[in-house]
Amino acid sequence: MRLDKYLKISRLIKRRTVANEACDAGRVLVNGKTAKASVNVKAGDVIEIQFGSKAVKVEVLDVQETVRKEDAKELYRYL
């Protein structure tokens, strides 16, 4: 699954366009490397997102095309 779509479905970032812009600005790292929005995300990957001065680091546990809002937190684990 594309990185920008995963960020939206997992609700780490609210909108796909915002996720796309964050990737283009170089604020998203996958496994320690700057990632474009089109990078494929799979279970076991580590995603780090820079929100201003705060950084969020999560491990991908599962990748699903659609998920209910209540179950979105089960797609990742905070590190």
PDB file of N, CA and C in Angstrom:
ATOM      1  N   MET A   1       0.839  -1.172   0.000  1.00  0.00           N
ATOM      2  CA  MET A   1       0.000   0.000   0.000  1.00  0.00           C
ATOM      3  C   MET A   1       0.887   1.239   0.000  1.00  0.00           C
ATOM      4  N   ARG A   2       0.445   2.266  -0.681  1.00  0.00           N
ATOM      5  CA  ARG A   2       1.191   3.525  -0.726  1.00  0.00           C
ATOM      6  C   ARG A   2       1.270   4.157   0.668  1.00  0.00           C
ATOM      7  N   LEU A   3       2.374   4.839   0.933  1.00  0.00           N
ATOM      8  CA  LEU A   3       2.602   5.458   2.233  1.00  0.00           C
ATOM      9  C   LEU A   3       1.533   6.500   2.562  1.00  0.00           C
ATOM     10  N   ASP A   4       1.204   7.383   1.616  1.00  0.00           N
ATOM     11  CA  ASP A   4       0.217   8.427   1.904  1.00  0.00           C
ATOM     12  C   ASP A   4      -1.154   7.827   2.220  1.00  0.00           C
ATOM     13  N   LYS A   5      -1.528   6.766   1.524  1.00  0.00           N
ATOM     14  CA  LYS A   5      -2.810   6.108   1.780  1.00  0.00           C
ATOM     15  C   LYS A   5      -2.795   5.426   3.150  1.00  0.00           C
ATOM     16  N   TYR A   6      -1.683   4.794   3.508  1.00  0.00           N
ATOM     17  CA  TYR A   6      -1.582   4.141   4.821  1.00  0.00           C
ATOM     18  C   TYR A   6      -1.709   5.160   5.951  1.00  0.00           C
ATOM     19  N   LEU A   7      -1.052   6.317   5.806  1.00  0.00           N
ATOM     20  CA  LEU A   7      -1.120   7.342   6.847  1.00  0.00           C
ATOM     21  C   LEU A   7      -2.546   7.827   7.047  1.00  0.00           C
ATOM     22  N   LYS A   8      -3.318   7.911   5.967  1.00  0.00           N
ATOM     23  CA  LYS A   8      -4.707   8.331   6.065  1.00  0.00           C
ATOM     24  C   LYS A   8      -5.571   7.235   6.686  1.00  0.00           C
ATOM     25  N   ILE A   9      -5.445   6.002   6.210  1.00  0.00           N
ATOM     26  CA  ILE A   9      -6.284   4.912   6.711  1.00  0.00           C
ATOM     27  C   ILE A   9      -6.007   4.618   8.183  1.00  0.00           C
ATOM     28  N   SER A  10      -4.734   4.709   8.585  1.00  0.00           N
ATOM     29  CA  SER A  10      -4.396   4.463   9.989  1.00  0.00           C
ATOM     30  C   SER A  10      -4.711   5.674  10.864  1.00  0.00           C
ATOM     31  N   ARG A  11      -5.098   6.774  10.237  1.00  0.00           N
ATOM     32  CA  ARG A  11      -5.458   8.025  10.909  1.00  0.00           C
ATOM     33  C   ARG A  11      -4.291   8.659  11.672  1.00  0.00           C
ATOM     34  N   LEU A  12      -3.078   8.404  11.206  1.00  0.00           N
ATOM     35  CA  LEU A  12      -1.923   9.124  11.746  1.00  0.00           C
ATOM     36  C   LEU A  12      -1.931  10.558  11.212  1.00  0.00           C
ATOM     37  N   ILE A  13      -2.394  10.723   9.969  1.00  0.00           N
ATOM     38  CA  ILE A  13      -2.610  12.034   9.357  1.00  0.00           C
ATOM     39  C   ILE A  13      -4.027  12.022   8.801  1.00  0.00           C
ATOM     40  N   LYS A  14      -4.770  13.116   9.026  1.00  0.00           N
ATOM     41  CA  LYS A  14      -6.201  13.109   8.718  1.00  0.00           C
ATOM     42  C   LYS A  14      -6.536  13.007   7.236  1.00  0.00           C
ATOM     43  N   ARG A  15      -5.790  13.714   6.380  1.00  0.00           N
ATOM     44  CA  ARG A  15      -6.130  13.723   4.958  1.00  0.00           C
ATOM     45  C   ARG A  15      -4.967  13.252   4.106  1.00  0.00           C
ATOM     46  N   ARG A  16      -5.291  12.594   3.005  1.00  0.00           N
ATOM     47  CA  ARG A  16      -4.264  12.045   2.132  1.00  0.00           C
ATOM     48  C   ARG A  16      -3.433  13.148   1.484  1.00  0.00           C
ATOM     49  N   THR A  17      -4.056  14.276   1.160  1.00  0.00           N
ATOM     50  CA  THR A  17      -3.293  15.369   0.558  1.00  0.00           C
ATOM     51  C   THR A  17      -2.266  15.927   1.541  1.00  0.00           C
ATOM     52  N   VAL A  18      -2.633  15.998   2.819  1.00  0.00           N
ATOM     53  CA  VAL A  18      -1.700  16.476   3.851  1.00  0.00           C
ATOM     54  C   VAL A  18      -0.560  15.469   4.011  1.00  0.00           C
ATOM     55  N   ALA A  19      -0.892  14.178   3.967  1.00  0.00           N
ATOM     56  CA  ALA A  19       0.134  13.135   4.045  1.00  0.00           C
ATOM     57  C   ALA A  19       1.084  13.235   2.859  1.00  0.00           C
ATOM     58  N   ASN A  20       0.525  13.497   1.679  1.00  0.00           N
ATOM     59  CA  ASN A  20       1.322  13.646   0.470  1.00  0.00           C
ATOM     60  C   ASN A  20       2.281  14.834   0.594  1.00  0.00           C
ATOM     61  N   GLU A  21       1.784  15.953   1.109  1.00  0.00           N
ATOM     62  CA  GLU A  21       2.622  17.149   1.278  1.00  0.00           C
ATOM     63  C   GLU A  21       3.726  16.911   2.314  1.00  0.00           C
ATOM     64  N   ALA A  22       3.413  16.183   3.383  1.00  0.00           N
ATOM     65  CA  ALA A  22       4.417  15.884   4.403  1.00  0.00           C
ATOM     66  C   ALA A  22       5.537  15.028   3.810  1.00  0.00           C
ATOM     67  N   CYS A  23       5.174  14.082   2.952  1.00  0.00           N
ATOM     68  CA  CYS A  23       6.180  13.234   2.302  1.00  0.00           C
ATOM     69  C   CYS A  23       7.052  14.064   1.357  1.00  0.00           C
ATOM     70  N   ASP A  24       6.420  14.936   0.582  1.00  0.00           N
ATOM     71  CA  ASP A  24       7.157  15.775  -0.361  1.00  0.00           C
ATOM     72  C   ASP A  24       8.123  16.722   0.354  1.00  0.00           C
ATOM     73  N   ALA A  25       7.746  17.158   1.559  1.00  0.00           N
ATOM     74  CA  ALA A  25       8.589  18.076   2.329  1.00  0.00           C
ATOM     75  C   ALA A  25       9.714  17.343   3.065  1.00  0.00           C
ATOM     76  N   GLY A  26       9.730  16.014   3.000  1.00  0.00           N
ATOM     77  CA  GLY A  26      10.788  15.248   3.640  1.00  0.00           C
ATOM     78  C   GLY A  26      10.600  15.052   5.127  1.00  0.00           C
ATOM     79  N   ARG A  27       9.352  15.180   5.617  1.00  0.00           N
ATOM     80  CA  ARG A  27       9.081  15.048   7.050  1.00  0.00           C
ATOM     81  C   ARG A  27       8.680  13.629   7.446  1.00  0.00           C
ATOM     82  N   VAL A  28       8.671  12.698   6.483  1.00  0.00           N
ATOM     83  CA  VAL A  28       8.289  11.313   6.782  1.00  0.00           C
ATOM     84  C   VAL A  28       9.456  10.391   6.430  1.00  0.00           C
ATOM     85  N   LEU A  29       9.854   9.558   7.390  1.00  0.00           N
ATOM     86  CA  LEU A  29      10.929   8.594   7.184  1.00  0.00           C
ATOM     87  C   LEU A  29      10.359   7.183   7.297  1.00  0.00           C
ATOM     88  N   VAL A  30      10.778   6.300   6.413  1.00  0.00           N
ATOM     89  CA  VAL A  30      10.416   4.886   6.502  1.00  0.00           C
ATOM     90  C   VAL A  30      11.716   4.109   6.652  1.00  0.00           C
ATOM     91  N   ASN A  31      11.850   3.389   7.751  1.00  0.00           N
ATOM     92  CA  ASN A  31      13.061   2.624   8.067  1.00  0.00           C
ATOM     93  C   ASN A  31      14.315   3.508   8.020  1.00  0.00           C
ATOM     94  N   GLY A  32      14.180   4.753   8.508  1.00  0.00           N
ATOM     95  CA  GLY A  32      15.323   5.654   8.607  1.00  0.00           C
ATOM     96  C   GLY A  32      15.665   6.416   7.349  1.00  0.00           C
ATOM     97  N   LYS A  33      14.913   6.234   6.264  1.00  0.00           N
ATOM     98  CA  LYS A  33      15.194   6.934   5.007  1.00  0.00           C
ATOM     99  C   LYS A  33      14.026   7.839   4.637  1.00  0.00           C
ATOM    100  N   THR A  34      14.325   9.011   4.105  1.00  0.00           N
ATOM    101  CA  THR A  34      13.276   9.908   3.634  1.00  0.00           C
ATOM    102  C   THR A  34      12.461   9.197   2.568  1.00  0.00           C
ATOM    103  N   ALA A  35      11.131   9.276   2.705  1.00  0.00           N
ATOM    104  CA  ALA A  35      10.267   8.492   1.819  1.00  0.00           C
ATOM    105  C   ALA A  35       9.334   9.387   1.015  1.00  0.00           C
ATOM    106  N   LYS A  36       9.120   8.992  -0.236  1.00  0.00           N
ATOM    107  CA  LYS A  36       8.115   9.649  -1.063  1.00  0.00           C
ATOM    108  C   LYS A  36       6.756   9.043  -0.746  1.00  0.00           C
ATOM    109  N   ALA A  37       5.691   9.708  -1.193  1.00  0.00           N
ATOM    110  CA  ALA A  37       4.331   9.248  -0.921  1.00  0.00           C
ATOM    111  C   ALA A  37       4.038   7.904  -1.580  1.00  0.00           C
ATOM    112  N   SER A  38       4.786   7.567  -2.621  1.00  0.00           N
ATOM    113  CA  SER A  38       4.499   6.346  -3.384  1.00  0.00           C
ATOM    114  C   SER A  38       5.210   5.105  -2.847  1.00  0.00           C
ATOM    115  N   VAL A  39       5.987   5.241  -1.771  1.00  0.00           N
ATOM    116  CA  VAL A  39       6.720   4.104  -1.209  1.00  0.00           C
ATOM    117  C   VAL A  39       5.735   3.055  -0.706  1.00  0.00           C
ATOM    118  N   ASN A  40       6.021   1.788  -0.985  1.00  0.00           N
ATOM    119  CA  ASN A  40       5.161   0.704  -0.505  1.00  0.00           C
ATOM    120  C   ASN A  40       5.444   0.426   0.970  1.00  0.00           C
ATOM    121  N   VAL A  41       4.380   0.373   1.771  1.00  0.00           N
ATOM    122  CA  VAL A  41       4.485   0.101   3.198  1.00  0.00           C
ATOM    123  C   VAL A  41       4.024  -1.328   3.452  1.00  0.00           C
ATOM    124  N   LYS A  42       4.787  -2.046   4.287  1.00  0.00           N
ATOM    125  CA  LYS A  42       4.397  -3.418   4.641  1.00  0.00           C
ATOM    126  C   LYS A  42       4.563  -3.603   6.146  1.00  0.00           C
ATOM    127  N   ALA A  43       4.014  -4.675   6.675  1.00  0.00           N
ATOM    128  CA  ALA A  43       4.109  -4.953   8.105  1.00  0.00           C
ATOM    129  C   ALA A  43       5.581  -5.064   8.507  1.00  0.00           C
ATOM    130  N   GLY A  44       5.940  -4.445   9.625  1.00  0.00           N
ATOM    131  CA  GLY A  44       7.316  -4.482  10.115  1.00  0.00           C
ATOM    132  C   GLY A  44       8.082  -3.202   9.835  1.00  0.00           C
ATOM    133  N   ASP A  45       7.582  -2.370   8.921  1.00  0.00           N
ATOM    134  CA  ASP A  45       8.252  -1.099   8.631  1.00  0.00           C
ATOM    135  C   ASP A  45       8.110  -0.145   9.813  1.00  0.00           C
ATOM    136  N   VAL A  46       9.107   0.741   9.979  1.00  0.00           N
ATOM    137  CA  VAL A  46       9.064   1.768  11.009  1.00  0.00           C
ATOM    138  C   VAL A  46       8.900   3.110  10.318  1.00  0.00           C
ATOM    139  N   ILE A  47       7.834   3.838  10.686  1.00  0.00           N
ATOM    140  CA  ILE A  47       7.541   5.142  10.091  1.00  0.00           C
ATOM    141  C   ILE A  47       7.772   6.202  11.150  1.00  0.00           C
ATOM    142  N   GLU A  48       8.502   7.262  10.773  1.00  0.00           N
ATOM    143  CA  GLU A  48       8.729   8.392  11.675  1.00  0.00           C
ATOM    144  C   GLU A  48       8.216   9.652  10.993  1.00  0.00           C
ATOM    145  N   ILE A  49       7.345  10.389  11.683  1.00  0.00           N
ATOM    146  CA  ILE A  49       6.738  11.594  11.122  1.00  0.00           C
ATOM    147  C   ILE A  49       7.122  12.783  11.989  1.00  0.00           C
ATOM    148  N   GLN A  50       7.590  13.866  11.355  1.00  0.00           N
ATOM    149  CA  GLN A  50       7.937  15.093  12.062  1.00  0.00           C
ATOM    150  C   GLN A  50       6.738  16.041  12.029  1.00  0.00           C
ATOM    151  N   PHE A  51       6.177  16.337  13.203  1.00  0.00           N
ATOM    152  CA  PHE A  51       5.107  17.319  13.339  1.00  0.00           C
ATOM    153  C   PHE A  51       5.697  18.534  14.028  1.00  0.00           C
ATOM    154  N   GLY A  52       6.244  19.485  13.275  1.00  0.00           N
ATOM    155  CA  GLY A  52       6.878  20.648  13.885  1.00  0.00           C
ATOM    156  C   GLY A  52       8.073  20.215  14.710  1.00  0.00           C
ATOM    157  N   SER A  53       8.022  20.453  16.022  1.00  0.00           N
ATOM    158  CA  SER A  53       9.142  20.060  16.893  1.00  0.00           C
ATOM    159  C   SER A  53       8.950  18.669  17.481  1.00  0.00           C
ATOM    160  N   LYS A  54       7.781  18.063  17.236  1.00  0.00           N
ATOM    161  CA  LYS A  54       7.479  16.747  17.794  1.00  0.00           C
ATOM    162  C   LYS A  54       7.621  15.669  16.723  1.00  0.00           C
ATOM    163  N   ALA A  55       8.176  14.533  17.120  1.00  0.00           N
ATOM    164  CA  ALA A  55       8.320  13.414  16.191  1.00  0.00           C
ATOM    165  C   ALA A  55       7.512  12.227  16.697  1.00  0.00           C
ATOM    166  N   VAL A  56       6.817  11.563  15.784  1.00  0.00           N
ATOM    167  CA  VAL A  56       6.034  10.371  16.116  1.00  0.00           C
ATOM    168  C   VAL A  56       6.666   9.199  15.390  1.00  0.00           C
ATOM    169  N   LYS A  57       6.955   8.134  16.137  1.00  0.00           N
ATOM    170  CA  LYS A  57       7.584   6.947  15.566  1.00  0.00           C
ATOM    171  C   LYS A  57       6.674   5.755  15.822  1.00  0.00           C
ATOM    172  N   VAL A  58       6.275   5.071  14.733  1.00  0.00           N
ATOM    173  CA  VAL A  58       5.380   3.924  14.861  1.00  0.00           C
ATOM    174  C   VAL A  58       5.897   2.752  14.042  1.00  0.00           C
ATOM    175  N   GLU A  59       5.500   1.556  14.461  1.00  0.00           N
ATOM    176  CA  GLU A  59       5.812   0.341  13.702  1.00  0.00           C
ATOM    177  C   GLU A  59       4.526  -0.145  13.054  1.00  0.00           C
ATOM    178  N   VAL A  60       4.592  -0.476  11.779  1.00  0.00           N
ATOM    179  CA  VAL A  60       3.425  -0.971  11.051  1.00  0.00           C
ATOM    180  C   VAL A  60       3.176  -2.416  11.470  1.00  0.00           C
ATOM    181  N   LEU A  61       1.974  -2.692  11.986  1.00  0.00           N
ATOM    182  CA  LEU A  61       1.617  -4.040  12.400  1.00  0.00           C
ATOM    183  C   LEU A  61       0.795  -4.748  11.329  1.00  0.00           C
ATOM    184  N   ASP A  62      -0.051  -3.984  10.639  1.00  0.00           N
ATOM    185  CA  ASP A  62      -0.948  -4.574   9.654  1.00  0.00           C
ATOM    186  C   ASP A  62      -1.255  -3.546   8.580  1.00  0.00           C
ATOM    187  N   VAL A  63      -1.540  -4.019   7.366  1.00  0.00           N
ATOM    188  CA  VAL A  63      -1.915  -3.150   6.253  1.00  0.00           C
ATOM    189  C   VAL A  63      -3.251  -3.638   5.720  1.00  0.00           C
ATOM    190  N   GLN A  64      -4.266  -2.762   5.765  1.00  0.00           N
ATOM    191  CA  GLN A  64      -5.590  -3.102   5.262  1.00  0.00           C
ATOM    192  C   GLN A  64      -6.087  -1.978   4.371  1.00  0.00           C
ATOM    193  N   GLU A  65      -6.899  -2.330   3.362  1.00  0.00           N
ATOM    194  CA  GLU A  65      -7.443  -1.324   2.440  1.00  0.00           C
ATOM    195  C   GLU A  65      -8.464  -0.432   3.133  1.00  0.00           C
ATOM    196  N   THR A  66      -9.342  -1.030   3.924  1.00  0.00           N
ATOM    197  CA  THR A  66     -10.345  -0.254   4.656  1.00  0.00           C
ATOM    198  C   THR A  66     -10.378  -0.738   6.096  1.00  0.00           C
ATOM    199  N   VAL A  67     -10.679   0.186   6.996  1.00  0.00           N
ATOM    200  CA  VAL A  67     -10.732  -0.166   8.418  1.00  0.00           C
ATOM    201  C   VAL A  67     -11.671   0.819   9.118  1.00  0.00           C
ATOM    202  N   ARG A  68     -12.389   0.327  10.130  1.00  0.00           N
ATOM    203  CA  ARG A  68     -13.274   1.208  10.884  1.00  0.00           C
ATOM    204  C   ARG A  68     -12.446   2.120  11.785  1.00  0.00           C
ATOM    205  N   LYS A  69     -13.021   3.265  12.120  1.00  0.00           N
ATOM    206  CA  LYS A  69     -12.317   4.253  12.929  1.00  0.00           C
ATOM    207  C   LYS A  69     -11.821   3.662  14.252  1.00  0.00           C
ATOM    208  N   GLU A  70     -12.639   2.832  14.891  1.00  0.00           N
ATOM    209  CA  GLU A  70     -12.273   2.256  16.183  1.00  0.00           C
ATOM    210  C   GLU A  70     -11.097   1.283  16.060  1.00  0.00           C
ATOM    211  N   ASP A  71     -10.969   0.638  14.904  1.00  0.00           N
ATOM    212  CA  ASP A  71      -9.935  -0.376  14.714  1.00  0.00           C
ATOM    213  C   ASP A  71      -8.645   0.174  14.103  1.00  0.00           C
ATOM    214  N   ALA A  72      -8.613   1.464  13.763  1.00  0.00           N
ATOM    215  CA  ALA A  72      -7.449   2.051  13.089  1.00  0.00           C
ATOM    216  C   ALA A  72      -6.194   1.970  13.951  1.00  0.00           C
ATOM    217  N   LYS A  73      -6.340   2.065  15.266  1.00  0.00           N
ATOM    218  CA  LYS A  73      -5.176   2.037  16.164  1.00  0.00           C
ATOM    219  C   LYS A  73      -4.487   0.675  16.188  1.00  0.00           C
ATOM    220  N   GLU A  74      -5.158  -0.357  15.710  1.00  0.00           N
ATOM    221  CA  GLU A  74      -4.564  -1.698  15.693  1.00  0.00           C
ATOM    222  C   GLU A  74      -3.636  -1.913  14.500  1.00  0.00           C
ATOM    223  N   LEU A  75      -3.556  -0.923  13.600  1.00  0.00           N
ATOM    224  CA  LEU A  75      -2.698  -1.046  12.426  1.00  0.00           C
ATOM    225  C   LEU A  75      -1.241  -0.698  12.734  1.00  0.00           C
ATOM    226  N   TYR A  76      -0.999  -0.026  13.868  1.00  0.00           N
ATOM    227  CA  TYR A  76       0.363   0.406  14.201  1.00  0.00           C
ATOM    228  C   TYR A  76       0.584   0.362  15.706  1.00  0.00           C
ATOM    229  N   ARG A  77       1.877   0.472  16.078  1.00  0.00           N
ATOM    230  CA  ARG A  77       2.262   0.484  17.493  1.00  0.00           C
ATOM    231  C   ARG A  77       3.286   1.589  17.691  1.00  0.00           C
ATOM    232  N   TYR A  78       3.055   2.441  18.703  1.00  0.00           N
ATOM    233  CA  TYR A  78       3.990   3.533  19.003  1.00  0.00           C
ATOM    234  C   TYR A  78       5.309   2.962  19.538  1.00  0.00           C
ATOM    235  N   LEU A  79       6.417   3.583  19.119  1.00  0.00           N
ATOM    236  CA  LEU A  79       7.744   3.185  19.606  1.00  0.00           C
ATOM    237  C   LEU A  79       8.328   4.270  20.476  1.00  0.00           C
TER     238      LEU A  79
END
